[in-house]
Amino acid sequence: MDVKNNARKARGKGKGLLTKLGPIFFLLGVIIAIVVGLLIGAEIIETGGGGFAADDSWGYIAAILTGLGFLVGLLTILGTGTITKDEITQFLIGAIALVAVGIAGQSTLDIPLIGSYVSGVTLCMILFFAPAAVIIALKTLWDLGKD
């Protein structure tokens, strides 16, 4: 009897840790994307043309944002992330809008004073949200195909 209770407690602790990691990764990714985007806008970090790496620091930052986005998507499809099943459609629509605005806006955001900042933040948000959106979309399509 004690073995079963201990096994249930151990499983509950593991799920609790994953449940706590989802919001942490999500918030960390958003904060990093905003800060780095503003640094790009201030021309402290150079990305190169079209978002291609100009130096090693940008490459590492892009990898970190993409990795965090991947983890957020993975935790979401496991059911322990910050995005619930009811919110998946809204998240995917928001991600599509963000990517569309980001792609269109990278070349057209010539707004005086703030255009480079908005462009930098949008670029970093795309790097963070795109992997999560792809993973969640694939899982959603898989679930639709199973029915």
N, C-alpha and C. Protein backbone atom coordinates (compact mmCIF):
# COMPACT_ATOMS: atom_id res chain seq x y z
N MET A 1 0.82 -1.19 0.00
CA MET A 1 0.00 0.00 0.00
C MET A 1 0.87 1.26 0.00
N ASP A 2 1.92 1.26 0.82
CA ASP A 2 2.79 2.44 0.90
C ASP A 2 3.52 2.69 -0.42
N VAL A 3 3.87 1.63 -1.13
CA VAL A 3 4.57 1.79 -2.39
C VAL A 3 3.70 2.53 -3.40
N LYS A 4 2.43 2.18 -3.47
CA LYS A 4 1.51 2.85 -4.39
C LYS A 4 1.34 4.32 -4.03
N ASN A 5 1.20 4.60 -2.74
CA ASN A 5 1.04 5.99 -2.31
C ASN A 5 2.30 6.80 -2.62
N ASN A 6 3.48 6.21 -2.39
CA ASN A 6 4.73 6.90 -2.68
C ASN A 6 4.89 7.15 -4.18
N ALA A 7 4.47 6.18 -4.99
CA ALA A 7 4.56 6.35 -6.44
C ALA A 7 3.64 7.49 -6.90
N ARG A 8 2.43 7.56 -6.33
CA ARG A 8 1.52 8.66 -6.67
C ARG A 8 2.09 10.01 -6.26
N LYS A 9 2.69 10.07 -5.09
CA LYS A 9 3.30 11.33 -4.62
C LYS A 9 4.45 11.74 -5.53
N ALA A 10 5.26 10.78 -5.95
CA ALA A 10 6.40 11.08 -6.82
C ALA A 10 5.92 11.60 -8.17
N ARG A 11 4.87 10.97 -8.72
CA ARG A 11 4.33 11.45 -9.99
C ARG A 11 3.74 12.84 -9.84
N GLY A 12 3.06 13.09 -8.75
CA GLY A 12 2.48 14.41 -8.51
C GLY A 12 3.54 15.49 -8.40
N LYS A 13 4.67 15.17 -7.77
CA LYS A 13 5.75 16.15 -7.63
C LYS A 13 6.35 16.47 -8.99
N GLY A 14 6.57 15.48 -9.82
CA GLY A 14 7.13 15.71 -11.15
C GLY A 14 6.23 16.57 -12.00
N LYS A 15 4.94 16.30 -11.96
CA LYS A 15 4.00 17.09 -12.74
C LYS A 15 3.93 18.52 -12.21
N GLY A 16 4.05 18.66 -10.89
CA GLY A 16 4.05 19.99 -10.31
C GLY A 16 5.23 20.81 -10.79
N LEU A 17 6.39 20.17 -10.92
CA LEU A 17 7.58 20.87 -11.41
C LEU A 17 7.38 21.31 -12.85
N LEU A 18 6.84 20.42 -13.69
CA LEU A 18 6.58 20.79 -15.08
C LEU A 18 5.54 21.90 -15.16
N THR A 19 4.56 21.86 -14.29
CA THR A 19 3.52 22.89 -14.28
C THR A 19 4.12 24.24 -13.92
N LYS A 20 5.12 24.25 -13.05
CA LYS A 20 5.77 25.50 -12.66
C LYS A 20 6.74 25.99 -13.74
N LEU A 21 7.35 25.07 -14.48
CA LEU A 21 8.32 25.46 -15.49
C LEU A 21 7.68 26.16 -16.68
N GLY A 22 6.47 25.76 -17.06
CA GLY A 22 5.79 26.36 -18.21
C GLY A 22 5.67 27.87 -18.11
N PRO A 23 5.05 28.38 -17.03
CA PRO A 23 4.94 29.84 -16.89
C PRO A 23 6.29 30.54 -16.78
N ILE A 24 7.25 29.89 -16.13
CA ILE A 24 8.58 30.49 -15.99
C ILE A 24 9.23 30.64 -17.36
N PHE A 25 9.21 29.59 -18.17
CA PHE A 25 9.80 29.66 -19.52
C PHE A 25 9.08 30.70 -20.38
N PHE A 26 7.75 30.74 -20.27
CA PHE A 26 6.97 31.69 -21.07
C PHE A 26 7.34 33.13 -20.70
N LEU A 27 7.32 33.43 -19.41
CA LEU A 27 7.64 34.78 -18.95
C LEU A 27 9.08 35.15 -19.26
N LEU A 28 10.00 34.21 -19.07
CA LEU A 28 11.40 34.45 -19.38
C LEU A 28 11.60 34.75 -20.86
N GLY A 29 10.93 33.99 -21.72
CA GLY A 29 11.03 34.22 -23.17
C GLY A 29 10.50 35.58 -23.58
N VAL A 30 9.37 35.98 -23.01
CA VAL A 30 8.79 37.28 -23.35
C VAL A 30 9.70 38.41 -22.87
N ILE A 31 10.23 38.30 -21.66
CA ILE A 31 11.11 39.33 -21.12
C ILE A 31 12.39 39.44 -21.95
N ILE A 32 13.00 38.30 -22.26
CA ILE A 32 14.22 38.32 -23.08
C ILE A 32 13.93 38.93 -24.45
N ALA A 33 12.81 38.54 -25.06
CA ALA A 33 12.47 39.07 -26.38
C ALA A 33 12.29 40.58 -26.35
N ILE A 34 11.63 41.09 -25.34
CA ILE A 34 11.42 42.54 -25.26
C ILE A 34 12.74 43.27 -25.02
N VAL A 35 13.53 42.80 -24.06
CA VAL A 35 14.80 43.47 -23.74
C VAL A 35 15.75 43.44 -24.94
N VAL A 36 15.92 42.26 -25.52
CA VAL A 36 16.83 42.14 -26.67
C VAL A 36 16.30 42.94 -27.85
N GLY A 37 14.98 42.93 -28.06
CA GLY A 37 14.40 43.72 -29.15
C GLY A 37 14.67 45.20 -28.99
N LEU A 38 14.58 45.68 -27.77
CA LEU A 38 14.89 47.09 -27.51
C LEU A 38 16.38 47.38 -27.72
N LEU A 39 17.23 46.43 -27.35
CA LEU A 39 18.68 46.59 -27.58
C LEU A 39 19.00 46.59 -29.07
N ILE A 40 18.27 45.80 -29.82
CA ILE A 40 18.44 45.80 -31.29
C ILE A 40 18.01 47.16 -31.84
N GLY A 41 16.88 47.67 -31.34
CA GLY A 41 16.40 48.97 -31.78
C GLY A 41 17.37 50.09 -31.47
N ALA A 42 18.07 49.97 -30.35
CA ALA A 42 19.06 50.98 -29.96
C ALA A 42 20.41 50.74 -30.64
N GLU A 43 20.47 49.71 -31.48
CA GLU A 43 21.67 49.34 -32.23
C GLU A 43 22.84 48.94 -31.34
N ILE A 44 22.51 48.40 -30.16
CA ILE A 44 23.54 47.86 -29.28
C ILE A 44 23.88 46.43 -29.70
N ILE A 45 22.87 45.71 -30.17
CA ILE A 45 23.06 44.36 -30.72
C ILE A 45 22.77 44.44 -32.21
N GLU A 46 23.68 43.92 -33.02
CA GLU A 46 23.49 43.93 -34.46
C GLU A 46 23.05 42.54 -34.92
N THR A 47 22.02 42.53 -35.77
CA THR A 47 21.52 41.26 -36.28
C THR A 47 21.99 40.96 -37.68
N GLY A 48 22.36 41.94 -38.43
CA GLY A 48 22.68 41.74 -39.84
C GLY A 48 21.41 41.86 -40.66
N GLY A 49 21.54 41.78 -41.97
CA GLY A 49 20.39 41.93 -42.86
C GLY A 49 19.40 40.80 -42.75
N GLY A 50 18.14 41.13 -42.63
CA GLY A 50 17.07 40.13 -42.63
C GLY A 50 17.08 39.21 -41.44
N GLY A 51 17.72 39.61 -40.34
CA GLY A 51 17.75 38.78 -39.15
C GLY A 51 18.86 37.76 -39.13
N PHE A 52 19.75 37.78 -40.11
CA PHE A 52 20.87 36.83 -40.11
C PHE A 52 21.94 37.30 -39.14
N ALA A 53 22.66 36.37 -38.57
CA ALA A 53 23.61 36.68 -37.51
C ALA A 53 24.74 37.58 -38.00
N ALA A 54 24.97 38.65 -37.23
CA ALA A 54 26.09 39.54 -37.52
C ALA A 54 27.27 39.22 -36.62
N ASP A 55 27.01 38.68 -35.45
CA ASP A 55 28.07 38.26 -34.55
C ASP A 55 27.58 37.09 -33.70
N ASP A 56 28.47 36.57 -32.87
CA ASP A 56 28.13 35.39 -32.09
C ASP A 56 27.04 35.65 -31.05
N SER A 57 27.04 36.84 -30.44
CA SER A 57 26.05 37.11 -29.39
C SER A 57 24.62 37.03 -29.93
N TRP A 58 24.39 37.55 -31.13
CA TRP A 58 23.04 37.48 -31.70
C TRP A 58 22.66 36.03 -31.98
N GLY A 59 23.60 35.24 -32.43
CA GLY A 59 23.32 33.83 -32.69
C GLY A 59 22.92 33.09 -31.42
N TYR A 60 23.62 33.38 -30.32
CA TYR A 60 23.28 32.74 -29.04
C TYR A 60 21.92 33.20 -28.54
N ILE A 61 21.65 34.48 -28.66
CA ILE A 61 20.36 35.02 -28.22
C ILE A 61 19.22 34.40 -29.04
N ALA A 62 19.40 34.32 -30.35
CA ALA A 62 18.37 33.72 -31.21
C ALA A 62 18.16 32.26 -30.85
N ALA A 63 19.24 31.54 -30.55
CA ALA A 63 19.12 30.13 -30.16
C ALA A 63 18.39 29.99 -28.83
N ILE A 64 18.66 30.87 -27.88
CA ILE A 64 17.99 30.83 -26.58
C ILE A 64 16.49 31.10 -26.74
N LEU A 65 16.14 32.12 -27.51
CA LEU A 65 14.73 32.44 -27.72
C LEU A 65 14.00 31.29 -28.43
N THR A 66 14.64 30.73 -29.44
CA THR A 66 14.04 29.61 -30.16
C THR A 66 13.90 28.39 -29.25
N GLY A 67 14.90 28.12 -28.45
CA GLY A 67 14.85 26.99 -27.52
C GLY A 67 13.75 27.16 -26.48
N LEU A 68 13.62 28.37 -25.93
CA LEU A 68 12.55 28.63 -24.97
C LEU A 68 11.18 28.47 -25.62
N GLY A 69 11.04 28.93 -26.86
CA GLY A 69 9.79 28.75 -27.58
C GLY A 69 9.46 27.28 -27.80
N PHE A 70 10.50 26.51 -28.12
CA PHE A 70 10.32 25.06 -28.29
C PHE A 70 9.85 24.43 -26.98
N LEU A 71 10.49 24.81 -25.87
CA LEU A 71 10.09 24.25 -24.57
C LEU A 71 8.67 24.64 -24.19
N VAL A 72 8.29 25.88 -24.45
CA VAL A 72 6.92 26.32 -24.16
C VAL A 72 5.92 25.50 -24.98
N GLY A 73 6.20 25.29 -26.26
CA GLY A 73 5.33 24.47 -27.10
C GLY A 73 5.26 23.04 -26.63
N LEU A 74 6.40 22.48 -26.27
CA LEU A 74 6.45 21.10 -25.79
C LEU A 74 5.68 20.93 -24.49
N LEU A 75 5.87 21.84 -23.55
CA LEU A 75 5.13 21.77 -22.29
C LEU A 75 3.64 21.95 -22.51
N THR A 76 3.27 22.75 -23.49
CA THR A 76 1.84 22.95 -23.78
C THR A 76 1.20 21.68 -24.31
N ILE A 77 1.87 21.00 -25.24
CA ILE A 77 1.24 19.78 -25.78
C ILE A 77 1.26 18.65 -24.76
N LEU A 78 2.15 18.74 -23.77
CA LEU A 78 2.13 17.75 -22.69
C LEU A 78 1.05 18.05 -21.66
N GLY A 79 0.42 19.23 -21.79
CA GLY A 79 -0.66 19.59 -20.89
C GLY A 79 -0.20 20.27 -19.62
N THR A 80 1.06 20.67 -19.55
CA THR A 80 1.56 21.29 -18.33
C THR A 80 2.00 22.74 -18.55
N GLY A 81 1.78 23.27 -19.72
CA GLY A 81 2.23 24.63 -20.03
C GLY A 81 1.23 25.68 -19.60
N THR A 82 1.51 26.91 -19.97
CA THR A 82 0.65 28.03 -19.59
C THR A 82 -0.57 28.14 -20.50
N ILE A 83 -0.54 27.50 -21.65
CA ILE A 83 -1.62 27.60 -22.62
C ILE A 83 -2.51 26.37 -22.47
N THR A 84 -3.77 26.57 -22.12
CA THR A 84 -4.68 25.45 -21.93
C THR A 84 -5.28 25.03 -23.27
N LYS A 85 -5.99 23.90 -23.27
CA LYS A 85 -6.62 23.43 -24.50
C LYS A 85 -7.62 24.44 -25.04
N ASP A 86 -8.31 25.13 -24.15
CA ASP A 86 -9.29 26.13 -24.59
C ASP A 86 -8.63 27.35 -25.22
N GLU A 87 -7.37 27.61 -24.88
CA GLU A 87 -6.67 28.80 -25.37
C GLU A 87 -5.81 28.53 -26.60
N ILE A 88 -5.72 27.29 -27.04
CA ILE A 88 -4.83 26.95 -28.16
C ILE A 88 -5.21 27.69 -29.43
N THR A 89 -6.49 27.74 -29.75
CA THR A 89 -6.91 28.44 -30.97
C THR A 89 -6.55 29.91 -30.91
N GLN A 90 -6.80 30.54 -29.77
CA GLN A 90 -6.46 31.96 -29.61
C GLN A 90 -4.95 32.17 -29.72
N PHE A 91 -4.18 31.27 -29.13
CA PHE A 91 -2.72 31.39 -29.20
C PHE A 91 -2.24 31.28 -30.64
N LEU A 92 -2.76 30.31 -31.37
CA LEU A 92 -2.33 30.13 -32.76
C LEU A 92 -2.73 31.32 -33.63
N ILE A 93 -3.91 31.88 -33.43
CA ILE A 93 -4.31 33.07 -34.19
C ILE A 93 -3.39 34.24 -33.85
N GLY A 94 -3.09 34.40 -32.58
CA GLY A 94 -2.17 35.47 -32.17
C GLY A 94 -0.78 35.28 -32.74
N ALA A 95 -0.30 34.04 -32.76
CA ALA A 95 1.03 33.76 -33.32
C ALA A 95 1.06 34.03 -34.82
N ILE A 96 -0.01 33.65 -35.52
CA ILE A 96 -0.08 33.92 -36.97
C ILE A 96 -0.07 35.42 -37.22
N ALA A 97 -0.83 36.16 -36.44
CA ALA A 97 -0.87 37.62 -36.60
C ALA A 97 0.50 38.23 -36.32
N LEU A 98 1.16 37.76 -35.27
CA LEU A 98 2.48 38.28 -34.91
C LEU A 98 3.51 38.01 -36.01
N VAL A 99 3.50 36.80 -36.54
CA VAL A 99 4.44 36.45 -37.60
C VAL A 99 4.13 37.25 -38.87
N ALA A 100 2.86 37.39 -39.21
CA ALA A 100 2.49 38.16 -40.42
C ALA A 100 2.90 39.63 -40.29
N VAL A 101 2.62 40.21 -39.15
CA VAL A 101 3.00 41.60 -38.93
C VAL A 101 4.52 41.74 -38.91
N GLY A 102 5.18 40.79 -38.28
CA GLY A 102 6.64 40.84 -38.21
C GLY A 102 7.30 40.73 -39.56
N ILE A 103 6.83 39.81 -40.37
CA ILE A 103 7.43 39.63 -41.70
C ILE A 103 7.14 40.85 -42.57
N ALA A 104 5.92 41.32 -42.54
CA ALA A 104 5.58 42.50 -43.35
C ALA A 104 6.24 43.75 -42.80
N GLY A 105 6.34 43.83 -41.49
CA GLY A 105 6.85 45.04 -40.88
C GLY A 105 8.35 45.18 -40.84
N GLN A 106 9.09 44.10 -41.03
CA GLN A 106 10.55 44.19 -40.97
C GLN A 106 11.10 45.17 -42.00
N SER A 107 10.43 45.26 -43.12
CA SER A 107 10.91 46.18 -44.15
C SER A 107 10.11 47.48 -44.21
N THR A 108 8.98 47.53 -43.54
CA THR A 108 8.13 48.73 -43.66
C THR A 108 8.02 49.53 -42.39
N LEU A 109 8.67 49.14 -41.32
CA LEU A 109 8.56 49.87 -40.05
C LEU A 109 9.58 51.00 -39.99
N ASP A 110 9.42 51.98 -40.84
CA ASP A 110 10.31 53.14 -40.85
C ASP A 110 9.67 54.31 -40.10
N ILE A 111 9.07 54.00 -38.97
CA ILE A 111 8.44 55.04 -38.16
C ILE A 111 9.56 55.82 -37.44
N PRO A 112 9.56 57.13 -37.53
CA PRO A 112 10.61 57.89 -36.85
C PRO A 112 10.62 57.63 -35.35
N LEU A 113 11.79 57.51 -34.78
CA LEU A 113 12.07 57.34 -33.35
C LEU A 113 11.77 55.94 -32.81
N ILE A 114 10.65 55.33 -33.15
CA ILE A 114 10.29 54.05 -32.54
C ILE A 114 10.31 52.87 -33.50
N GLY A 115 10.43 53.11 -34.78
CA GLY A 115 10.34 52.03 -35.77
C GLY A 115 11.37 50.94 -35.57
N SER A 116 12.61 51.30 -35.28
CA SER A 116 13.65 50.29 -35.09
C SER A 116 13.41 49.48 -33.82
N TYR A 117 12.84 50.10 -32.79
CA TYR A 117 12.54 49.39 -31.54
C TYR A 117 11.40 48.39 -31.75
N VAL A 118 10.35 48.84 -32.42
CA VAL A 118 9.21 47.96 -32.71
C VAL A 118 9.67 46.79 -33.58
N SER A 119 10.50 47.08 -34.56
CA SER A 119 11.01 46.04 -35.45
C SER A 119 11.86 45.03 -34.69
N GLY A 120 12.71 45.50 -33.80
CA GLY A 120 13.56 44.60 -33.01
C GLY A 120 12.75 43.71 -32.08
N VAL A 121 11.78 44.29 -31.40
CA VAL A 121 10.94 43.51 -30.48
C VAL A 121 10.12 42.49 -31.27
N THR A 122 9.59 42.90 -32.42
CA THR A 122 8.81 41.98 -33.25
C THR A 122 9.66 40.80 -33.72
N LEU A 123 10.88 41.09 -34.15
CA LEU A 123 11.78 40.02 -34.59
C LEU A 123 12.03 39.02 -33.48
N CYS A 124 12.30 39.51 -32.28
CA CYS A 124 12.58 38.61 -31.15
C CYS A 124 11.34 37.84 -30.72
N MET A 125 10.17 38.48 -30.78
CA MET A 125 8.93 37.78 -30.44
C MET A 125 8.66 36.65 -31.43
N ILE A 126 8.95 36.91 -32.71
CA ILE A 126 8.77 35.85 -33.71
C ILE A 126 9.68 34.67 -33.40
N LEU A 127 10.93 34.96 -33.05
CA LEU A 127 11.86 33.88 -32.72
C LEU A 127 11.38 33.06 -31.54
N PHE A 128 10.70 33.70 -30.60
CA PHE A 128 10.19 33.00 -29.42
C PHE A 128 8.89 32.26 -29.69
N PHE A 129 7.94 32.92 -30.34
CA PHE A 129 6.61 32.32 -30.51
C PHE A 129 6.50 31.33 -31.67
N ALA A 130 7.30 31.49 -32.72
CA ALA A 130 7.16 30.61 -33.89
C ALA A 130 7.38 29.13 -33.57
N PRO A 131 8.44 28.75 -32.83
CA PRO A 131 8.59 27.32 -32.53
C PRO A 131 7.44 26.77 -31.69
N ALA A 132 6.97 27.56 -30.72
CA ALA A 132 5.84 27.11 -29.91
C ALA A 132 4.60 26.93 -30.77
N ALA A 133 4.36 27.88 -31.67
CA ALA A 133 3.18 27.82 -32.54
C ALA A 133 3.25 26.61 -33.47
N VAL A 134 4.43 26.31 -34.01
CA VAL A 134 4.57 25.15 -34.91
C VAL A 134 4.28 23.86 -34.15
N ILE A 135 4.84 23.70 -32.97
CA ILE A 135 4.63 22.47 -32.20
C ILE A 135 3.16 22.32 -31.81
N ILE A 136 2.55 23.41 -31.33
CA ILE A 136 1.14 23.35 -30.93
C ILE A 136 0.24 23.11 -32.13
N ALA A 137 0.56 23.73 -33.27
CA ALA A 137 -0.25 23.52 -34.48
C ALA A 137 -0.15 22.07 -34.96
N LEU A 138 1.05 21.51 -34.93
CA LEU A 138 1.21 20.10 -35.35
C LEU A 138 0.42 19.17 -34.44
N LYS A 139 0.45 19.42 -33.14
CA LYS A 139 -0.31 18.59 -32.20
C LYS A 139 -1.81 18.75 -32.44
N THR A 140 -2.25 19.99 -32.70
CA THR A 140 -3.67 20.23 -32.96
C THR A 140 -4.10 19.52 -34.25
N LEU A 141 -3.29 19.61 -35.28
CA LEU A 141 -3.61 18.91 -36.53
C LEU A 141 -3.61 17.40 -36.34
N TRP A 142 -2.69 16.90 -35.54
CA TRP A 142 -2.64 15.46 -35.25
C TRP A 142 -3.94 15.02 -34.56
N ASP A 143 -4.37 15.81 -33.58
CA ASP A 143 -5.61 15.48 -32.85
C ASP A 143 -6.82 15.54 -33.79
N LEU A 144 -6.84 16.51 -34.69
CA LEU A 144 -7.95 16.60 -35.65
C LEU A 144 -7.96 15.41 -36.60
N GLY A 145 -6.77 14.97 -37.00
CA GLY A 145 -6.66 13.84 -37.92
C GLY A 145 -7.03 12.52 -37.30
N LYS A 146 -6.85 12.39 -35.98
CA LYS A 146 -7.17 11.15 -35.30
C LYS A 146 -8.67 10.89 -35.23
N ASP A 147 -9.46 11.97 -35.18
CA ASP A 147 -10.92 11.82 -34.99
C ASP A 147 -11.62 11.36 -36.22
